[in-house]
N, C-alpha and C. Protein backbone atom coordinates (compact mmCIF):
# COMPACT_ATOMS: atom_id res chain seq x y z
N MET A 1 -2.00 -4.38 -16.76
CA MET A 1 -1.18 -3.28 -17.24
C MET A 1 -1.18 -2.15 -16.20
N ARG A 2 -0.03 -1.64 -15.94
CA ARG A 2 0.08 -0.53 -14.99
C ARG A 2 -0.31 0.78 -15.65
N ASP A 3 -0.83 1.69 -14.80
CA ASP A 3 -1.13 3.03 -15.31
C ASP A 3 0.17 3.75 -15.62
N ALA A 4 0.12 4.65 -16.57
CA ALA A 4 1.28 5.48 -16.87
C ALA A 4 1.59 6.33 -15.64
N PRO A 5 2.87 6.61 -15.36
CA PRO A 5 3.24 7.36 -14.17
C PRO A 5 2.51 8.69 -14.01
N SER A 6 2.10 9.28 -15.12
CA SER A 6 1.44 10.58 -15.02
C SER A 6 -0.08 10.48 -15.04
N SER A 7 -0.62 9.28 -15.00
CA SER A 7 -2.07 9.13 -15.06
C SER A 7 -2.71 9.65 -13.77
N PRO A 8 -3.95 10.09 -13.84
CA PRO A 8 -4.63 10.58 -12.63
C PRO A 8 -4.72 9.52 -11.54
N ALA A 9 -4.90 8.25 -11.91
CA ALA A 9 -5.00 7.19 -10.90
C ALA A 9 -3.69 7.03 -10.14
N VAL A 10 -2.59 7.05 -10.85
CA VAL A 10 -1.28 6.91 -10.19
C VAL A 10 -0.98 8.14 -9.35
N ARG A 11 -1.27 9.32 -9.87
CA ARG A 11 -1.04 10.55 -9.09
C ARG A 11 -1.85 10.53 -7.81
N ALA A 12 -3.10 10.06 -7.87
CA ALA A 12 -3.94 9.99 -6.68
C ALA A 12 -3.36 9.01 -5.67
N ALA A 13 -2.87 7.87 -6.16
CA ALA A 13 -2.24 6.89 -5.26
C ALA A 13 -0.99 7.48 -4.63
N CYS A 14 -0.19 8.19 -5.40
CA CYS A 14 1.02 8.83 -4.87
C CYS A 14 0.66 9.86 -3.80
N GLU A 15 -0.37 10.64 -4.03
CA GLU A 15 -0.80 11.62 -3.04
C GLU A 15 -1.25 10.93 -1.76
N GLN A 16 -1.93 9.79 -1.90
CA GLN A 16 -2.36 9.05 -0.72
C GLN A 16 -1.15 8.52 0.06
N VAL A 17 -0.15 8.02 -0.66
CA VAL A 17 1.07 7.53 -0.01
C VAL A 17 1.70 8.66 0.80
N ILE A 18 1.81 9.82 0.21
CA ILE A 18 2.42 10.96 0.92
C ILE A 18 1.62 11.30 2.16
N GLY A 19 0.28 11.26 2.05
CA GLY A 19 -0.56 11.58 3.19
C GLY A 19 -0.51 10.55 4.30
N LEU A 20 -0.12 9.32 3.98
CA LEU A 20 -0.12 8.24 4.97
C LEU A 20 1.28 7.84 5.43
N ILE A 21 2.29 8.52 4.95
CA ILE A 21 3.66 8.07 5.20
C ILE A 21 4.00 8.01 6.69
N ALA A 22 3.56 8.97 7.47
CA ALA A 22 3.88 8.95 8.90
C ALA A 22 3.25 7.74 9.57
N ASP A 23 1.98 7.48 9.26
CA ASP A 23 1.31 6.31 9.83
C ASP A 23 1.98 5.02 9.38
N TYR A 24 2.40 4.96 8.12
CA TYR A 24 3.09 3.78 7.61
C TYR A 24 4.41 3.55 8.35
N LEU A 25 5.21 4.58 8.47
CA LEU A 25 6.51 4.44 9.12
C LEU A 25 6.38 4.14 10.61
N ASN A 26 5.28 4.55 11.22
CA ASN A 26 5.05 4.27 12.64
C ASN A 26 4.31 2.95 12.85
N GLY A 27 4.00 2.23 11.77
CA GLY A 27 3.31 0.95 11.89
C GLY A 27 1.86 1.08 12.32
N GLU A 28 1.21 2.18 11.94
CA GLU A 28 -0.14 2.46 12.41
C GLU A 28 -1.22 2.24 11.36
N LEU A 29 -0.89 1.68 10.20
CA LEU A 29 -1.90 1.41 9.17
C LEU A 29 -2.54 0.06 9.44
N ASP A 30 -3.87 -0.04 9.18
CA ASP A 30 -4.49 -1.35 9.31
C ASP A 30 -3.96 -2.27 8.20
N ALA A 31 -4.19 -3.55 8.34
CA ALA A 31 -3.59 -4.54 7.44
C ALA A 31 -3.95 -4.30 5.98
N ASP A 32 -5.20 -3.96 5.70
CA ASP A 32 -5.63 -3.73 4.31
C ASP A 32 -4.90 -2.53 3.71
N LEU A 33 -4.91 -1.42 4.42
CA LEU A 33 -4.27 -0.21 3.91
C LEU A 33 -2.76 -0.40 3.81
N HIS A 34 -2.18 -1.11 4.75
CA HIS A 34 -0.74 -1.39 4.71
C HIS A 34 -0.41 -2.19 3.44
N GLY A 35 -1.22 -3.17 3.13
CA GLY A 35 -1.00 -3.97 1.93
C GLY A 35 -1.11 -3.14 0.66
N ARG A 36 -2.12 -2.29 0.59
CA ARG A 36 -2.28 -1.43 -0.59
C ARG A 36 -1.11 -0.45 -0.71
N PHE A 37 -0.67 0.06 0.43
CA PHE A 37 0.46 0.99 0.46
C PHE A 37 1.70 0.30 -0.11
N GLU A 38 1.98 -0.90 0.38
CA GLU A 38 3.17 -1.61 -0.08
C GLU A 38 3.04 -2.06 -1.54
N ARG A 39 1.83 -2.40 -1.99
CA ARG A 39 1.66 -2.72 -3.41
C ARG A 39 1.99 -1.52 -4.27
N HIS A 40 1.56 -0.35 -3.84
CA HIS A 40 1.88 0.87 -4.60
C HIS A 40 3.39 1.07 -4.64
N LEU A 41 4.05 0.89 -3.48
CA LEU A 41 5.50 1.07 -3.44
C LEU A 41 6.21 0.09 -4.37
N SER A 42 5.66 -1.11 -4.52
CA SER A 42 6.30 -2.10 -5.38
C SER A 42 6.19 -1.74 -6.86
N GLN A 43 5.29 -0.79 -7.19
CA GLN A 43 5.08 -0.40 -8.57
C GLN A 43 5.48 1.04 -8.87
N CYS A 44 5.88 1.77 -7.84
CA CYS A 44 6.18 3.19 -8.03
C CYS A 44 7.55 3.52 -7.43
N ALA A 45 8.53 3.60 -8.29
CA ALA A 45 9.90 3.87 -7.84
C ALA A 45 10.02 5.22 -7.14
N GLU A 46 9.26 6.20 -7.61
CA GLU A 46 9.34 7.54 -7.01
C GLU A 46 8.85 7.53 -5.56
N CYS A 47 7.72 6.87 -5.31
CA CYS A 47 7.20 6.80 -3.95
C CYS A 47 8.11 5.96 -3.06
N LEU A 48 8.64 4.87 -3.60
CA LEU A 48 9.56 4.04 -2.83
C LEU A 48 10.79 4.85 -2.43
N ALA A 49 11.33 5.62 -3.34
CA ALA A 49 12.49 6.46 -3.02
C ALA A 49 12.13 7.49 -1.95
N TYR A 50 10.93 8.06 -2.05
CA TYR A 50 10.48 9.06 -1.08
C TYR A 50 10.35 8.43 0.31
N VAL A 51 9.72 7.26 0.39
CA VAL A 51 9.55 6.58 1.66
C VAL A 51 10.92 6.21 2.25
N ASN A 52 11.81 5.71 1.43
CA ASN A 52 13.14 5.36 1.92
C ASN A 52 13.91 6.57 2.41
N THR A 53 13.74 7.70 1.73
CA THR A 53 14.39 8.94 2.17
C THR A 53 13.82 9.38 3.52
N CYS A 54 12.52 9.33 3.67
CA CYS A 54 11.89 9.70 4.95
C CYS A 54 12.34 8.76 6.06
N ARG A 55 12.39 7.46 5.78
CA ARG A 55 12.81 6.47 6.76
C ARG A 55 14.25 6.76 7.22
N GLU A 56 15.12 7.04 6.28
CA GLU A 56 16.53 7.31 6.62
C GLU A 56 16.67 8.64 7.37
N THR A 57 15.88 9.64 6.99
CA THR A 57 15.91 10.92 7.69
C THR A 57 15.51 10.74 9.15
N LEU A 58 14.44 9.97 9.38
CA LEU A 58 14.01 9.69 10.76
C LEU A 58 15.09 8.94 11.54
N ARG A 59 15.69 7.95 10.89
CA ARG A 59 16.75 7.18 11.56
C ARG A 59 17.90 8.09 11.98
N LEU A 60 18.30 8.96 11.07
CA LEU A 60 19.40 9.88 11.38
C LEU A 60 19.01 10.88 12.47
N ALA A 61 17.80 11.40 12.38
CA ALA A 61 17.35 12.37 13.38
C ALA A 61 17.27 11.74 14.77
N ARG A 62 16.83 10.49 14.82
CA ARG A 62 16.73 9.80 16.12
C ARG A 62 18.10 9.47 16.69
N SER A 63 19.12 9.44 15.87
CA SER A 63 20.46 9.13 16.35
C SER A 63 21.17 10.35 16.94
N LEU A 64 20.61 11.52 16.73
CA LEU A 64 21.22 12.75 17.25
C LEU A 64 20.94 12.90 18.74
N PRO A 65 21.86 13.49 19.47
CA PRO A 65 21.58 13.74 20.89
C PRO A 65 20.52 14.84 21.01
N PRO A 66 19.72 14.78 22.07
CA PRO A 66 18.71 15.83 22.26
C PRO A 66 19.38 17.20 22.39
N ALA A 67 18.70 18.20 21.91
CA ALA A 67 19.22 19.58 22.01
C ALA A 67 18.11 20.47 22.54
N ASP A 68 18.50 21.44 23.33
CA ASP A 68 17.52 22.40 23.84
C ASP A 68 17.18 23.41 22.76
N MET A 69 15.91 23.74 22.69
CA MET A 69 15.44 24.75 21.74
C MET A 69 15.58 26.12 22.40
N PRO A 70 16.14 27.08 21.69
CA PRO A 70 16.21 28.43 22.26
C PRO A 70 14.82 28.91 22.69
N SER A 71 14.76 29.58 23.84
CA SER A 71 13.46 29.94 24.42
C SER A 71 12.62 30.81 23.49
N GLY A 72 13.22 31.72 22.75
CA GLY A 72 12.46 32.57 21.85
C GLY A 72 11.78 31.77 20.75
N ILE A 73 12.49 30.80 20.21
CA ILE A 73 11.90 29.96 19.16
C ILE A 73 10.83 29.05 19.75
N LYS A 74 11.10 28.52 20.94
CA LYS A 74 10.12 27.66 21.60
C LYS A 74 8.80 28.41 21.83
N GLN A 75 8.89 29.64 22.29
CA GLN A 75 7.68 30.44 22.54
C GLN A 75 6.94 30.72 21.24
N ARG A 76 7.65 31.07 20.18
CA ARG A 76 7.00 31.33 18.89
C ARG A 76 6.31 30.09 18.35
N LEU A 77 6.95 28.94 18.50
CA LEU A 77 6.36 27.69 18.04
C LEU A 77 5.10 27.38 18.83
N LEU A 78 5.14 27.55 20.14
CA LEU A 78 3.96 27.31 20.96
C LEU A 78 2.80 28.24 20.57
N GLU A 79 3.12 29.48 20.26
CA GLU A 79 2.08 30.42 19.82
C GLU A 79 1.45 29.99 18.50
N LEU A 80 2.26 29.43 17.62
CA LEU A 80 1.75 28.99 16.31
C LEU A 80 0.85 27.76 16.42
N ILE A 81 1.16 26.85 17.33
CA ILE A 81 0.41 25.60 17.38
C ILE A 81 -0.69 25.58 18.43
N THR A 82 -0.72 26.56 19.31
CA THR A 82 -1.75 26.60 20.34
C THR A 82 -3.04 27.19 19.76
N PRO A 83 -4.14 26.43 19.86
CA PRO A 83 -5.41 26.96 19.33
C PRO A 83 -5.82 28.23 20.06
N ARG A 84 -6.36 29.14 19.30
CA ARG A 84 -6.83 30.41 19.88
C ARG A 84 -8.33 30.36 20.00
N GLU A 85 -8.83 30.94 21.06
CA GLU A 85 -10.29 31.00 21.23
C GLU A 85 -10.86 32.07 20.32
N PRO A 86 -12.02 31.77 19.73
CA PRO A 86 -12.63 32.75 18.79
C PRO A 86 -13.07 34.03 19.46
C-alpha cells in the first residue's frame, strides 16, 4: 500500500527528490539512489511533473544563444557568490 500523498514519509521522499534533481538530470546519482529516485517518480505524479518541467526548462535554456551579462549585474553576482574572508 502506498503512503497517502500528505504522509510524512512521502513528503520526506519528495523533499529528497527536489534536493537531488540536479544530480539526477545530470546523470550523477549512483545506481542505488537513481533506482530509488525513479521508483519515487513512478509513484508520485507531482514529483514526476516537477522533474519533467525542470528537464524541459533546461532543454529550452540550452537551446538559446549565449548572451552577455551586463557588467553591473555580473559584478553584483560575483560579489554575492565570492566567499569573504572573516
